[in-house]
Amino acid sequence: MSISERIKIVFKETKTRPVEFANKVNKTSQYVYHLMNSKKGVGISAVELILKHFPQVSARWLILGEGNIFINPKNILKDPIVSYGKDPEASLITNEALNQLKKQIDIKDKQIESLLDILKGK
């Protein structure tokens, strides 16, 4: 299952219409529909945006498809955007996961740069 498919599931499971989400995060509905239908994946900024506004969603599930969709499946927030911050444990976990992912991305970016330099003969 692709990350775009998981994004669709997030909207379905949180009963959030993509257009409502777009309005709440100051993005166009086309941007949100692109995230939901992208064949090439989505960038880290899109992942951050989704996790920031759906703090109950597991970063590991969203990015890798592993584990449960929700950090605490018994406590799904009714309006995740308005309720953000009411569950400090969930937002702490989300921030921790994001920081770890950013570090991993930085390492991968450096590896890619090194490989590109090798290919260019530097």
PDB file of N, CA and C in Angstrom:
ATOM      1  N   MET A   1       0.853  -1.176   0.000  1.00  0.00           N
ATOM      2  CA  MET A   1       0.000   0.000   0.000  1.00  0.00           C
ATOM      3  C   MET A   1       0.901   1.243   0.000  1.00  0.00           C
ATOM      4  N   SER A   2       0.577   2.199  -0.838  1.00  0.00           N
ATOM      5  CA  SER A   2       1.398   3.408  -0.953  1.00  0.00           C
ATOM      6  C   SER A   2       1.038   4.425   0.123  1.00  0.00           C
ATOM      7  N   ILE A   3       1.909   5.409   0.308  1.00  0.00           N
ATOM      8  CA  ILE A   3       1.637   6.464   1.286  1.00  0.00           C
ATOM      9  C   ILE A   3       0.390   7.252   0.877  1.00  0.00           C
ATOM     10  N   SER A   4       0.174   7.420  -0.419  1.00  0.00           N
ATOM     11  CA  SER A   4      -1.029   8.120  -0.888  1.00  0.00           C
ATOM     12  C   SER A   4      -2.294   7.361  -0.480  1.00  0.00           C
ATOM     13  N   GLU A   5      -2.237   6.054  -0.581  1.00  0.00           N
ATOM     14  CA  GLU A   5      -3.384   5.245  -0.159  1.00  0.00           C
ATOM     15  C   GLU A   5      -3.595   5.360   1.351  1.00  0.00           C
ATOM     16  N   ARG A   6      -2.500   5.428   2.103  1.00  0.00           N
ATOM     17  CA  ARG A   6      -2.633   5.584   3.560  1.00  0.00           C
ATOM     18  C   ARG A   6      -3.195   6.957   3.907  1.00  0.00           C
ATOM     19  N   ILE A   7      -2.841   7.974   3.134  1.00  0.00           N
ATOM     20  CA  ILE A   7      -3.411   9.309   3.367  1.00  0.00           C
ATOM     21  C   ILE A   7      -4.920   9.270   3.168  1.00  0.00           C
ATOM     22  N   LYS A   8      -5.382   8.569   2.140  1.00  0.00           N
ATOM     23  CA  LYS A   8      -6.829   8.419   1.918  1.00  0.00           C
ATOM     24  C   LYS A   8      -7.482   7.758   3.131  1.00  0.00           C
ATOM     25  N   ILE A   9      -6.817   6.763   3.671  1.00  0.00           N
ATOM     26  CA  ILE A   9      -7.357   6.052   4.839  1.00  0.00           C
ATOM     27  C   ILE A   9      -7.431   6.982   6.040  1.00  0.00           C
ATOM     28  N   VAL A  10      -6.428   7.845   6.218  1.00  0.00           N
ATOM     29  CA  VAL A  10      -6.445   8.809   7.326  1.00  0.00           C
ATOM     30  C   VAL A  10      -7.696   9.673   7.231  1.00  0.00           C
ATOM     31  N   PHE A  11      -7.974  10.200   6.041  1.00  0.00           N
ATOM     32  CA  PHE A  11      -9.161  11.041   5.876  1.00  0.00           C
ATOM     33  C   PHE A  11     -10.440  10.239   6.149  1.00  0.00           C
ATOM     34  N   LYS A  12     -10.484   9.016   5.648  1.00  0.00           N
ATOM     35  CA  LYS A  12     -11.675   8.183   5.857  1.00  0.00           C
ATOM     36  C   LYS A  12     -11.876   7.867   7.339  1.00  0.00           C
ATOM     37  N   GLU A  13     -10.819   7.417   8.006  1.00  0.00           N
ATOM     38  CA  GLU A  13     -10.925   7.000   9.403  1.00  0.00           C
ATOM     39  C   GLU A  13     -11.176   8.164  10.362  1.00  0.00           C
ATOM     40  N   THR A  14     -10.737   9.357   9.999  1.00  0.00           N
ATOM     41  CA  THR A  14     -10.968  10.532  10.855  1.00  0.00           C
ATOM     42  C   THR A  14     -12.211  11.304  10.413  1.00  0.00           C
ATOM     43  N   LYS A  15     -12.887  10.759   9.388  1.00  0.00           N
ATOM     44  CA  LYS A  15     -14.105  11.386   8.859  1.00  0.00           C
ATOM     45  C   LYS A  15     -13.852  12.848   8.464  1.00  0.00           C
ATOM     46  N   THR A  16     -12.727  13.060   7.804  1.00  0.00           N
ATOM     47  CA  THR A  16     -12.328  14.386   7.355  1.00  0.00           C
ATOM     48  C   THR A  16     -12.387  14.425   5.838  1.00  0.00           C
ATOM     49  N   ARG A  17     -13.140  15.385   5.309  1.00  0.00           N
ATOM     50  CA  ARG A  17     -13.174  15.558   3.860  1.00  0.00           C
ATOM     51  C   ARG A  17     -11.893  16.279   3.429  1.00  0.00           C
ATOM     52  N   PRO A  18     -11.282  15.844   2.350  1.00  0.00           N
ATOM     53  CA  PRO A  18     -10.047  16.486   1.881  1.00  0.00           C
ATOM     54  C   PRO A  18     -10.179  18.002   1.707  1.00  0.00           C
ATOM     55  N   VAL A  19     -11.332  18.459   1.242  1.00  0.00           N
ATOM     56  CA  VAL A  19     -11.534  19.899   1.045  1.00  0.00           C
ATOM     57  C   VAL A  19     -11.514  20.633   2.389  1.00  0.00           C
ATOM     58  N   GLU A  20     -12.121  20.047   3.409  1.00  0.00           N
ATOM     59  CA  GLU A  20     -12.102  20.646   4.751  1.00  0.00           C
ATOM     60  C   GLU A  20     -10.664  20.740   5.263  1.00  0.00           C
ATOM     61  N   PHE A  21      -9.917  19.665   5.081  1.00  0.00           N
ATOM     62  CA  PHE A  21      -8.523  19.648   5.515  1.00  0.00           C
ATOM     63  C   PHE A  21      -7.735  20.736   4.788  1.00  0.00           C
ATOM     64  N   ALA A  22      -7.923  20.827   3.485  1.00  0.00           N
ATOM     65  CA  ALA A  22      -7.213  21.836   2.686  1.00  0.00           C
ATOM     66  C   ALA A  22      -7.491  23.237   3.219  1.00  0.00           C
ATOM     67  N   ASN A  23      -8.737  23.523   3.511  1.00  0.00           N
ATOM     68  CA  ASN A  23      -9.099  24.843   4.036  1.00  0.00           C
ATOM     69  C   ASN A  23      -8.461  25.107   5.388  1.00  0.00           C
ATOM     70  N   LYS A  24      -8.441  24.109   6.247  1.00  0.00           N
ATOM     71  CA  LYS A  24      -7.900  24.287   7.600  1.00  0.00           C
ATOM     72  C   LYS A  24      -6.390  24.471   7.616  1.00  0.00           C
ATOM     73  N   VAL A  25      -5.704  23.936   6.611  1.00  0.00           N
ATOM     74  CA  VAL A  25      -4.242  24.040   6.586  1.00  0.00           C
ATOM     75  C   VAL A  25      -3.751  25.016   5.515  1.00  0.00           C
ATOM     76  N   ASN A  26      -4.670  25.803   4.985  1.00  0.00           N
ATOM     77  CA  ASN A  26      -4.340  26.827   3.980  1.00  0.00           C
ATOM     78  C   ASN A  26      -3.643  26.254   2.745  1.00  0.00           C
ATOM     79  N   LYS A  27      -4.152  25.151   2.270  1.00  0.00           N
ATOM     80  CA  LYS A  27      -3.667  24.551   1.025  1.00  0.00           C
ATOM     81  C   LYS A  27      -4.840  24.447   0.066  1.00  0.00           C
ATOM     82  N   THR A  28      -4.543  24.257  -1.199  1.00  0.00           N
ATOM     83  CA  THR A  28      -5.620  24.084  -2.170  1.00  0.00           C
ATOM     84  C   THR A  28      -6.134  22.651  -2.120  1.00  0.00           C
ATOM     85  N   SER A  29      -7.361  22.473  -2.548  1.00  0.00           N
ATOM     86  CA  SER A  29      -7.904  21.113  -2.590  1.00  0.00           C
ATOM     87  C   SER A  29      -7.128  20.280  -3.618  1.00  0.00           C
ATOM     88  N   GLN A  30      -6.617  20.927  -4.669  1.00  0.00           N
ATOM     89  CA  GLN A  30      -5.811  20.207  -5.660  1.00  0.00           C
ATOM     90  C   GLN A  30      -4.552  19.623  -5.015  1.00  0.00           C
ATOM     91  N   TYR A  31      -3.941  20.384  -4.104  1.00  0.00           N
ATOM     92  CA  TYR A  31      -2.750  19.909  -3.398  1.00  0.00           C
ATOM     93  C   TYR A  31      -3.084  18.640  -2.612  1.00  0.00           C
ATOM     94  N   VAL A  32      -4.188  18.667  -1.882  1.00  0.00           N
ATOM     95  CA  VAL A  32      -4.580  17.517  -1.061  1.00  0.00           C
ATOM     96  C   VAL A  32      -4.927  16.323  -1.948  1.00  0.00           C
ATOM     97  N   TYR A  33      -5.653  16.563  -3.036  1.00  0.00           N
ATOM     98  CA  TYR A  33      -5.982  15.461  -3.937  1.00  0.00           C
ATOM     99  C   TYR A  33      -4.719  14.885  -4.593  1.00  0.00           C
ATOM    100  N   HIS A  34      -3.742  15.732  -4.848  1.00  0.00           N
ATOM    101  CA  HIS A  34      -2.461  15.248  -5.379  1.00  0.00           C
ATOM    102  C   HIS A  34      -1.795  14.304  -4.371  1.00  0.00           C
ATOM    103  N   LEU A  35      -1.816  14.692  -3.090  1.00  0.00           N
ATOM    104  CA  LEU A  35      -1.231  13.831  -2.056  1.00  0.00           C
ATOM    105  C   LEU A  35      -1.919  12.471  -2.033  1.00  0.00           C
ATOM    106  N   MET A  36      -3.223  12.493  -2.226  1.00  0.00           N
ATOM    107  CA  MET A  36      -4.002  11.263  -2.149  1.00  0.00           C
ATOM    108  C   MET A  36      -3.834  10.372  -3.381  1.00  0.00           C
ATOM    109  N   ASN A  37      -3.376  10.943  -4.482  1.00  0.00           N
ATOM    110  CA  ASN A  37      -3.318  10.191  -5.736  1.00  0.00           C
ATOM    111  C   ASN A  37      -1.926  10.118  -6.350  1.00  0.00           C
ATOM    112  N   SER A  38      -0.925  10.597  -5.635  1.00  0.00           N
ATOM    113  CA  SER A  38       0.434  10.628  -6.174  1.00  0.00           C
ATOM    114  C   SER A  38       0.976   9.219  -6.376  1.00  0.00           C
ATOM    115  N   LYS A  39       1.557   8.999  -7.523  1.00  0.00           N
ATOM    116  CA  LYS A  39       2.198   7.706  -7.816  1.00  0.00           C
ATOM    117  C   LYS A  39       3.675   7.730  -7.423  1.00  0.00           C
ATOM    118  N   LYS A  40       4.207   8.946  -7.184  1.00  0.00           N
ATOM    119  CA  LYS A  40       5.628   9.091  -6.884  1.00  0.00           C
ATOM    120  C   LYS A  40       5.899   9.266  -5.397  1.00  0.00           C
ATOM    121  N   GLY A  41       4.895   9.206  -4.563  1.00  0.00           N
ATOM    122  CA  GLY A  41       5.090   9.431  -3.136  1.00  0.00           C
ATOM    123  C   GLY A  41       4.873  10.893  -2.791  1.00  0.00           C
ATOM    124  N   VAL A  42       5.087  11.237  -1.546  1.00  0.00           N
ATOM    125  CA  VAL A  42       4.909  12.614  -1.091  1.00  0.00           C
ATOM    126  C   VAL A  42       6.153  13.044  -0.325  1.00  0.00           C
ATOM    127  N   GLY A  43       6.341  14.344  -0.219  1.00  0.00           N
ATOM    128  CA  GLY A  43       7.507  14.876   0.468  1.00  0.00           C
ATOM    129  C   GLY A  43       7.335  14.930   1.973  1.00  0.00           C
ATOM    130  N   ILE A  44       8.437  15.215   2.649  1.00  0.00           N
ATOM    131  CA  ILE A  44       8.429  15.280   4.110  1.00  0.00           C
ATOM    132  C   ILE A  44       7.533  16.401   4.603  1.00  0.00           C
ATOM    133  N   SER A  45       7.440  17.512   3.865  1.00  0.00           N
ATOM    134  CA  SER A  45       6.586  18.613   4.322  1.00  0.00           C
ATOM    135  C   SER A  45       5.120  18.187   4.345  1.00  0.00           C
ATOM    136  N   ALA A  46       4.704  17.367   3.395  1.00  0.00           N
ATOM    137  CA  ALA A  46       3.329  16.866   3.389  1.00  0.00           C
ATOM    138  C   ALA A  46       3.095  15.916   4.562  1.00  0.00           C
ATOM    139  N   VAL A  47       4.079  15.065   4.827  1.00  0.00           N
ATOM    140  CA  VAL A  47       3.974  14.140   5.967  1.00  0.00           C
ATOM    141  C   VAL A  47       3.882  14.930   7.270  1.00  0.00           C
ATOM    142  N   GLU A  48       4.726  15.951   7.411  1.00  0.00           N
ATOM    143  CA  GLU A  48       4.692  16.784   8.618  1.00  0.00           C
ATOM    144  C   GLU A  48       3.333  17.453   8.781  1.00  0.00           C
ATOM    145  N   LEU A  49       2.799  17.971   7.682  1.00  0.00           N
ATOM    146  CA  LEU A  49       1.504  18.648   7.717  1.00  0.00           C
ATOM    147  C   LEU A  49       0.411  17.698   8.197  1.00  0.00           C
ATOM    148  N   ILE A  50       0.395  16.500   7.659  1.00  0.00           N
ATOM    149  CA  ILE A  50      -0.623  15.518   8.046  1.00  0.00           C
ATOM    150  C   ILE A  50      -0.455  15.105   9.502  1.00  0.00           C
ATOM    151  N   LEU A  51       0.768  14.815   9.912  1.00  0.00           N
ATOM    152  CA  LEU A  51       0.994  14.377  11.292  1.00  0.00           C
ATOM    153  C   LEU A  51       0.732  15.493  12.295  1.00  0.00           C
ATOM    154  N   LYS A  52       1.010  16.722  11.911  1.00  0.00           N
ATOM    155  CA  LYS A  52       0.753  17.852  12.807  1.00  0.00           C
ATOM    156  C   LYS A  52      -0.746  18.018  13.054  1.00  0.00           C
ATOM    157  N   HIS A  53      -1.523  17.797  12.017  1.00  0.00           N
ATOM    158  CA  HIS A  53      -2.963  18.007  12.143  1.00  0.00           C
ATOM    159  C   HIS A  53      -3.741  16.751  12.502  1.00  0.00           C
ATOM    160  N   PHE A  54      -3.084  15.618  12.463  1.00  0.00           N
ATOM    161  CA  PHE A  54      -3.677  14.359  12.910  1.00  0.00           C
ATOM    162  C   PHE A  54      -2.701  13.714  13.896  1.00  0.00           C
ATOM    163  N   PRO A  55      -2.548  14.295  15.085  1.00  0.00           N
ATOM    164  CA  PRO A  55      -1.538  13.795  16.031  1.00  0.00           C
ATOM    165  C   PRO A  55      -1.794  12.375  16.507  1.00  0.00           C
ATOM    166  N   GLN A  56      -2.990  11.873  16.320  1.00  0.00           N
ATOM    167  CA  GLN A  56      -3.295  10.511  16.738  1.00  0.00           C
ATOM    168  C   GLN A  56      -2.831   9.472  15.715  1.00  0.00           C
ATOM    169  N   VAL A  57      -2.400   9.927  14.526  1.00  0.00           N
ATOM    170  CA  VAL A  57      -1.940   9.009  13.482  1.00  0.00           C
ATOM    171  C   VAL A  57      -0.470   8.662  13.725  1.00  0.00           C
ATOM    172  N   SER A  58      -0.172   7.409  13.622  1.00  0.00           N
ATOM    173  CA  SER A  58       1.192   6.921  13.817  1.00  0.00           C
ATOM    174  C   SER A  58       2.055   7.304  12.616  1.00  0.00           C
ATOM    175  N   ALA A  59       3.171   7.977  12.878  1.00  0.00           N
ATOM    176  CA  ALA A  59       4.104   8.354  11.815  1.00  0.00           C
ATOM    177  C   ALA A  59       4.652   7.092  11.137  1.00  0.00           C
ATOM    178  N   ARG A  60       4.941   6.085  11.924  1.00  0.00           N
ATOM    179  CA  ARG A  60       5.482   4.834  11.372  1.00  0.00           C
ATOM    180  C   ARG A  60       4.483   4.204  10.407  1.00  0.00           C
ATOM    181  N   TRP A  61       3.208   4.216  10.780  1.00  0.00           N
ATOM    182  CA  TRP A  61       2.184   3.647   9.900  1.00  0.00           C
ATOM    183  C   TRP A  61       2.048   4.494   8.634  1.00  0.00           C
ATOM    184  N   LEU A  62       1.986   5.812   8.795  1.00  0.00           N
ATOM    185  CA  LEU A  62       1.790   6.687   7.645  1.00  0.00           C
ATOM    186  C   LEU A  62       2.937   6.542   6.642  1.00  0.00           C
ATOM    187  N   ILE A  63       4.161   6.522   7.133  1.00  0.00           N
ATOM    188  CA  ILE A  63       5.316   6.506   6.237  1.00  0.00           C
ATOM    189  C   ILE A  63       5.656   5.097   5.741  1.00  0.00           C
ATOM    190  N   LEU A  64       5.646   4.149   6.650  1.00  0.00           N
ATOM    191  CA  LEU A  64       6.109   2.798   6.302  1.00  0.00           C
ATOM    192  C   LEU A  64       4.994   1.769   6.143  1.00  0.00           C
ATOM    193  N   GLY A  65       3.814   2.085   6.652  1.00  0.00           N
ATOM    194  CA  GLY A  65       2.718   1.124   6.587  1.00  0.00           C
ATOM    195  C   GLY A  65       2.820   0.044   7.645  1.00  0.00           C
ATOM    196  N   GLU A  66       3.618   0.301   8.688  1.00  0.00           N
ATOM    197  CA  GLU A  66       3.819  -0.694   9.752  1.00  0.00           C
ATOM    198  C   GLU A  66       3.062  -0.294  11.009  1.00  0.00           C
ATOM    199  N   GLY A  67       2.508  -1.283  11.703  1.00  0.00           N
ATOM    200  CA  GLY A  67       1.821  -1.031  12.968  1.00  0.00           C
ATOM    201  C   GLY A  67       0.389  -0.566  12.760  1.00  0.00           C
ATOM    202  N   ASN A  68      -0.144   0.095  13.786  1.00  0.00           N
ATOM    203  CA  ASN A  68      -1.521   0.580  13.754  1.00  0.00           C
ATOM    204  C   ASN A  68      -1.586   1.987  13.192  1.00  0.00           C
ATOM    205  N   ILE A  69      -2.712   2.315  12.585  1.00  0.00           N
ATOM    206  CA  ILE A  69      -2.894   3.659  12.051  1.00  0.00           C
ATOM    207  C   ILE A  69      -2.875   4.710  13.160  1.00  0.00           C
ATOM    208  N   PHE A  70      -3.475   4.382  14.308  1.00  0.00           N
ATOM    209  CA  PHE A  70      -3.568   5.346  15.397  1.00  0.00           C
ATOM    210  C   PHE A  70      -2.607   4.991  16.525  1.00  0.00           C
ATOM    211  N   ILE A  71      -2.040   6.024  17.132  1.00  0.00           N
ATOM    212  CA  ILE A  71      -1.132   5.831  18.257  1.00  0.00           C
ATOM    213  C   ILE A  71      -1.882   5.173  19.404  1.00  0.00           C
ATOM    214  N   ASN A  72      -3.090   5.634  19.674  1.00  0.00           N
ATOM    215  CA  ASN A  72      -3.929   5.048  20.707  1.00  0.00           C
ATOM    216  C   ASN A  72      -5.299   4.781  20.086  1.00  0.00           C
ATOM    217  N   PRO A  73      -5.515   3.582  19.526  1.00  0.00           N
ATOM    218  CA  PRO A  73      -6.750   3.297  18.803  1.00  0.00           C
ATOM    219  C   PRO A  73      -8.021   3.474  19.622  1.00  0.00           C
ATOM    220  N   LYS A  74      -7.926   3.444  20.942  1.00  0.00           N
ATOM    221  CA  LYS A  74      -9.126   3.578  21.785  1.00  0.00           C
ATOM    222  C   LYS A  74      -9.551   5.031  21.957  1.00  0.00           C
ATOM    223  N   ASN A  75      -8.670   5.974  21.573  1.00  0.00           N
ATOM    224  CA  ASN A  75      -8.938   7.382  21.843  1.00  0.00           C
ATOM    225  C   ASN A  75      -8.795   8.212  20.569  1.00  0.00           C
ATOM    226  N   ILE A  76      -9.632   7.944  19.577  1.00  0.00           N
ATOM    227  CA  ILE A  76      -9.583   8.690  18.326  1.00  0.00           C
ATOM    228  C   ILE A  76     -10.276  10.029  18.538  1.00  0.00           C
ATOM    229  N   LEU A  77      -9.573  11.101  18.259  1.00  0.00           N
ATOM    230  CA  LEU A  77     -10.130  12.439  18.438  1.00  0.00           C
ATOM    231  C   LEU A  77     -11.181  12.712  17.376  1.00  0.00           C
ATOM    232  N   LYS A  78     -12.253  13.411  17.755  1.00  0.00           N
ATOM    233  CA  LYS A  78     -13.328  13.677  16.808  1.00  0.00           C
ATOM    234  C   LYS A  78     -12.924  14.715  15.772  1.00  0.00           C
ATOM    235  N   ASP A  79     -12.293  15.778  16.178  1.00  0.00           N
ATOM    236  CA  ASP A  79     -11.817  16.792  15.239  1.00  0.00           C
ATOM    237  C   ASP A  79     -10.336  16.979  15.480  1.00  0.00           C
ATOM    238  N   PRO A  80      -9.501  16.238  14.746  1.00  0.00           N
ATOM    239  CA  PRO A  80      -8.074  16.241  15.030  1.00  0.00           C
ATOM    240  C   PRO A  80      -7.423  17.616  14.880  1.00  0.00           C
ATOM    241  N   ILE A  81      -7.922  18.451  13.998  1.00  0.00           N
ATOM    242  CA  ILE A  81      -7.286  19.743  13.792  1.00  0.00           C
ATOM    243  C   ILE A  81      -7.578  20.670  14.958  1.00  0.00           C
ATOM    244  N   VAL A  82      -8.828  20.702  15.404  1.00  0.00           N
ATOM    245  CA  VAL A  82      -9.194  21.551  16.534  1.00  0.00           C
ATOM    246  C   VAL A  82      -8.626  20.992  17.829  1.00  0.00           C
ATOM    247  N   SER A  83      -8.550  19.658  17.935  1.00  0.00           N
ATOM    248  CA  SER A  83      -8.120  19.017  19.165  1.00  0.00           C
ATOM    249  C   SER A  83      -6.613  18.892  19.299  1.00  0.00           C
ATOM    250  N   TYR A  84      -5.853  19.304  18.315  1.00  0.00           N
ATOM    251  CA  TYR A  84      -4.394  19.163  18.375  1.00  0.00           C
ATOM    252  C   TYR A  84      -3.860  19.807  19.647  1.00  0.00           C
ATOM    253  N   GLY A  85      -3.049  19.088  20.337  1.00  0.00           N
ATOM    254  CA  GLY A  85      -2.453  19.613  21.554  1.00  0.00           C
ATOM    255  C   GLY A  85      -3.174  19.186  22.817  1.00  0.00           C
ATOM    256  N   LYS A  86      -4.363  18.624  22.701  1.00  0.00           N
ATOM    257  CA  LYS A  86      -5.085  18.190  23.895  1.00  0.00           C
ATOM    258  C   LYS A  86      -4.520  16.895  24.457  1.00  0.00           C
ATOM    259  N   ASP A  87      -3.836  16.154  23.626  1.00  0.00           N
ATOM    260  CA  ASP A  87      -3.216  14.911  24.068  1.00  0.00           C
ATOM    261  C   ASP A  87      -1.697  15.082  23.960  1.00  0.00           C
ATOM    262  N   PRO A  88      -1.078  15.603  25.031  1.00  0.00           N
ATOM    263  CA  PRO A  88       0.353  15.903  24.963  1.00  0.00           C
ATOM    264  C   PRO A  88       1.204  14.676  24.669  1.00  0.00           C
ATOM    265  N   GLU A  89       0.765  13.515  25.120  1.00  0.00           N
ATOM    266  CA  GLU A  89       1.541  12.297  24.873  1.00  0.00           C
ATOM    267  C   GLU A  89       1.571  11.987  23.380  1.00  0.00           C
ATOM    268  N   ALA A  90       0.429  12.125  22.713  1.00  0.00           N
ATOM    269  CA  ALA A  90       0.364  11.849  21.278  1.00  0.00           C
ATOM    270  C   ALA A  90       1.222  12.832  20.497  1.00  0.00           C
ATOM    271  N   SER A  91       1.158  14.109  20.843  1.00  0.00           N
ATOM    272  CA  SER A  91       1.954  15.084  20.101  1.00  0.00           C
ATOM    273  C   SER A  91       3.444  14.896  20.390  1.00  0.00           C
ATOM    274  N   LEU A  92       3.788  14.458  21.588  1.00  0.00           N
ATOM    275  CA  LEU A  92       5.188  14.199  21.925  1.00  0.00           C
ATOM    276  C   LEU A  92       5.720  13.042  21.090  1.00  0.00           C
ATOM    277  N   ILE A  93       4.918  11.994  20.984  1.00  0.00           N
ATOM    278  CA  ILE A  93       5.315  10.837  20.186  1.00  0.00           C
ATOM    279  C   ILE A  93       5.471  11.256  18.722  1.00  0.00           C
ATOM    280  N   THR A  94       4.533  12.045  18.223  1.00  0.00           N
ATOM    281  CA  THR A  94       4.585  12.502  16.841  1.00  0.00           C
ATOM    282  C   THR A  94       5.831  13.335  16.606  1.00  0.00           C
ATOM    283  N   ASN A  95       6.139  14.262  17.511  1.00  0.00           N
ATOM    284  CA  ASN A  95       7.325  15.101  17.354  1.00  0.00           C
ATOM    285  C   ASN A  95       8.600  14.266  17.409  1.00  0.00           C
ATOM    286  N   GLU A  96       8.624  13.288  18.295  1.00  0.00           N
ATOM    287  CA  GLU A  96       9.787  12.398  18.394  1.00  0.00           C
ATOM    288  C   GLU A  96       9.984  11.634  17.095  1.00  0.00           C
ATOM    289  N   ALA A  97       8.894  11.090  16.579  1.00  0.00           N
ATOM    290  CA  ALA A  97       8.962  10.329  15.332  1.00  0.00           C
ATOM    291  C   ALA A  97       9.416  11.219  14.187  1.00  0.00           C
ATOM    292  N   LEU A  98       8.889  12.430  14.128  1.00  0.00           N
ATOM    293  CA  LEU A  98       9.292  13.352  13.075  1.00  0.00           C
ATOM    294  C   LEU A  98      10.778  13.691  13.162  1.00  0.00           C
ATOM    295  N   ASN A  99      11.260  13.938  14.363  1.00  0.00           N
ATOM    296  CA  ASN A  99      12.676  14.255  14.532  1.00  0.00           C
ATOM    297  C   ASN A  99      13.561  13.092  14.088  1.00  0.00           C
ATOM    298  N   GLN A 100      13.157  11.881  14.437  1.00  0.00           N
ATOM    299  CA  GLN A 100      13.927  10.704  14.020  1.00  0.00           C
ATOM    300  C   GLN A 100      13.917  10.564  12.502  1.00  0.00           C
ATOM    301  N   LEU A 101      12.750  10.796  11.905  1.00  0.00           N
ATOM    302  CA  LEU A 101      12.650  10.693  10.455  1.00  0.00           C
ATOM    303  C   LEU A 101      13.468  11.767   9.755  1.00  0.00           C
ATOM    304  N   LYS A 102      13.474  12.974  10.317  1.00  0.00           N
ATOM    305  CA  LYS A 102      14.281  14.053   9.731  1.00  0.00           C
ATOM    306  C   LYS A 102      15.760  13.691   9.765  1.00  0.00           C
ATOM    307  N   LYS A 103      16.216  13.104  10.867  1.00  0.00           N
ATOM    308  CA  LYS A 103      17.615  12.694  10.976  1.00  0.00           C
ATOM    309  C   LYS A 103      17.938  11.628   9.933  1.00  0.00           C
ATOM    310  N   GLN A 104      17.023  10.668   9.774  1.00  0.00           N
ATOM    311  CA  GLN A 104      17.238   9.614   8.791  1.00  0.00           C
ATOM    312  C   GLN A 104      17.276  10.181   7.375  1.00  0.00           C
ATOM    313  N   ILE A 105      16.413  11.141   7.105  1.00  0.00           N
ATOM    314  CA  ILE A 105      16.384  11.770   5.783  1.00  0.00           C
ATOM    315  C   ILE A 105      17.672  12.538   5.531  1.00  0.00           C
ATOM    316  N   ASP A 106      18.157  13.263   6.546  1.00  0.00           N
ATOM    317  CA  ASP A 106      19.422  13.995   6.403  1.00  0.00           C
ATOM    318  C   ASP A 106      20.565  13.042   6.061  1.00  0.00           C
ATOM    319  N   ILE A 107      20.608  11.909   6.737  1.00  0.00           N
ATOM    320  CA  ILE A 107      21.662  10.915   6.474  1.00  0.00           C
ATOM    321  C   ILE A 107      21.544  10.401   5.045  1.00  0.00           C
ATOM    322  N   LYS A 108      20.335  10.083   4.631  1.00  0.00           N
ATOM    323  CA  LYS A 108      20.119   9.579   3.267  1.00  0.00           C
ATOM    324  C   LYS A 108      20.466  10.640   2.236  1.00  0.00           C
ATOM    325  N   ASP A 109      20.106  11.900   2.502  1.00  0.00           N
ATOM    326  CA  ASP A 109      20.445  12.993   1.586  1.00  0.00           C
ATOM    327  C   ASP A 109      21.960  13.105   1.408  1.00  0.00           C
ATOM    328  N   LYS A 110      22.695  12.985   2.505  1.00  0.00           N
ATOM    329  CA  LYS A 110      24.161  13.056   2.433  1.00  0.00           C
ATOM    330  C   LYS A 110      24.716  11.874   1.640  1.00  0.00           C
ATOM    331  N   GLN A 111      24.135  10.697   1.841  1.00  0.00           N
ATOM    332  CA  GLN A 111      24.577   9.530   1.086  1.00  0.00           C
ATOM    333  C   GLN A 111      24.317   9.717  -0.409  1.00  0.00           C
ATOM    334  N   ILE A 112      23.165  10.276  -0.733  1.00  0.00           N
ATOM    335  CA  ILE A 112      22.820  10.523  -2.141  1.00  0.00           C
ATOM    336  C   ILE A 112      23.785  11.538  -2.752  1.00  0.00           C
ATOM    337  N   GLU A 113      24.069  12.602  -2.010  1.00  0.00           N
ATOM    338  CA  GLU A 113      25.018  13.614  -2.492  1.00  0.00           C
ATOM    339  C   GLU A 113      26.385  12.981  -2.757  1.00  0.00           C
ATOM    340  N   SER A 114      26.832  12.142  -1.855  1.00  0.00           N
ATOM    341  CA  SER A 114      28.127  11.473  -2.044  1.00  0.00           C
ATOM    342  C   SER A 114      28.123  10.591  -3.283  1.00  0.00           C
ATOM    343  N   LEU A 115      27.050   9.856  -3.473  1.00  0.00           N
ATOM    344  CA  LEU A 115      26.941   8.984  -4.639  1.00  0.00           C
ATOM    345  C   LEU A 115      26.888   9.791  -5.939  1.00  0.00           C
ATOM    346  N   LEU A 116      26.176  10.916  -5.898  1.00  0.00           N
ATOM    347  CA  LEU A 116      26.119  11.774  -7.080  1.00  0.00           C
ATOM    348  C   LEU A 116      27.499  12.352  -7.408  1.00  0.00           C
ATOM    349  N   ASP A 117      28.237  12.723  -6.369  1.00  0.00           N
ATOM    350  CA  ASP A 117      29.596  13.227  -6.577  1.00  0.00           C
ATOM    351  C   ASP A 117      30.482  12.157  -7.214  1.00  0.00           C
ATOM    352  N   ILE A 118      30.321  10.919  -6.769  1.00  0.00           N
ATOM    353  CA  ILE A 118      31.094   9.814  -7.343  1.00  0.00           C
ATOM    354  C   ILE A 118      30.732   9.640  -8.812  1.00  0.00           C
ATOM    355  N   LEU A 119      29.434   9.695  -9.105  1.00  0.00           N
ATOM    356  CA  LEU A 119      28.989   9.516 -10.494  1.00  0.00           C
ATOM    357  C   LEU A 119      29.489  10.654 -11.392  1.00  0.00           C
ATOM    358  N   LYS A 120      29.583  11.852 -10.837  1.00  0.00           N
ATOM    359  CA  LYS A 120      30.044  13.013 -11.604  1.00  0.00           C
ATOM    360  C   LYS A 120      31.562  13.044 -11.714  1.00  0.00           C
ATOM    361  N   GLY A 121      32.228  12.163 -10.962  1.00  0.00           N
ATOM    362  CA  GLY A 121      33.682  12.076 -11.018  1.00  0.00           C
ATOM    363  C   GLY A 121      34.392  13.089 -10.176  1.00  0.00           C
ATOM    364  N   LYS A 122      33.763  13.552  -9.109  1.00  0.00           N
ATOM    365  CA  LYS A 122      34.394  14.555  -8.225  1.00  0.00           C
ATOM    366  C   LYS A 122      35.259  13.892  -7.193  1.00  0.00           C
TER     367      LYS A 122
END
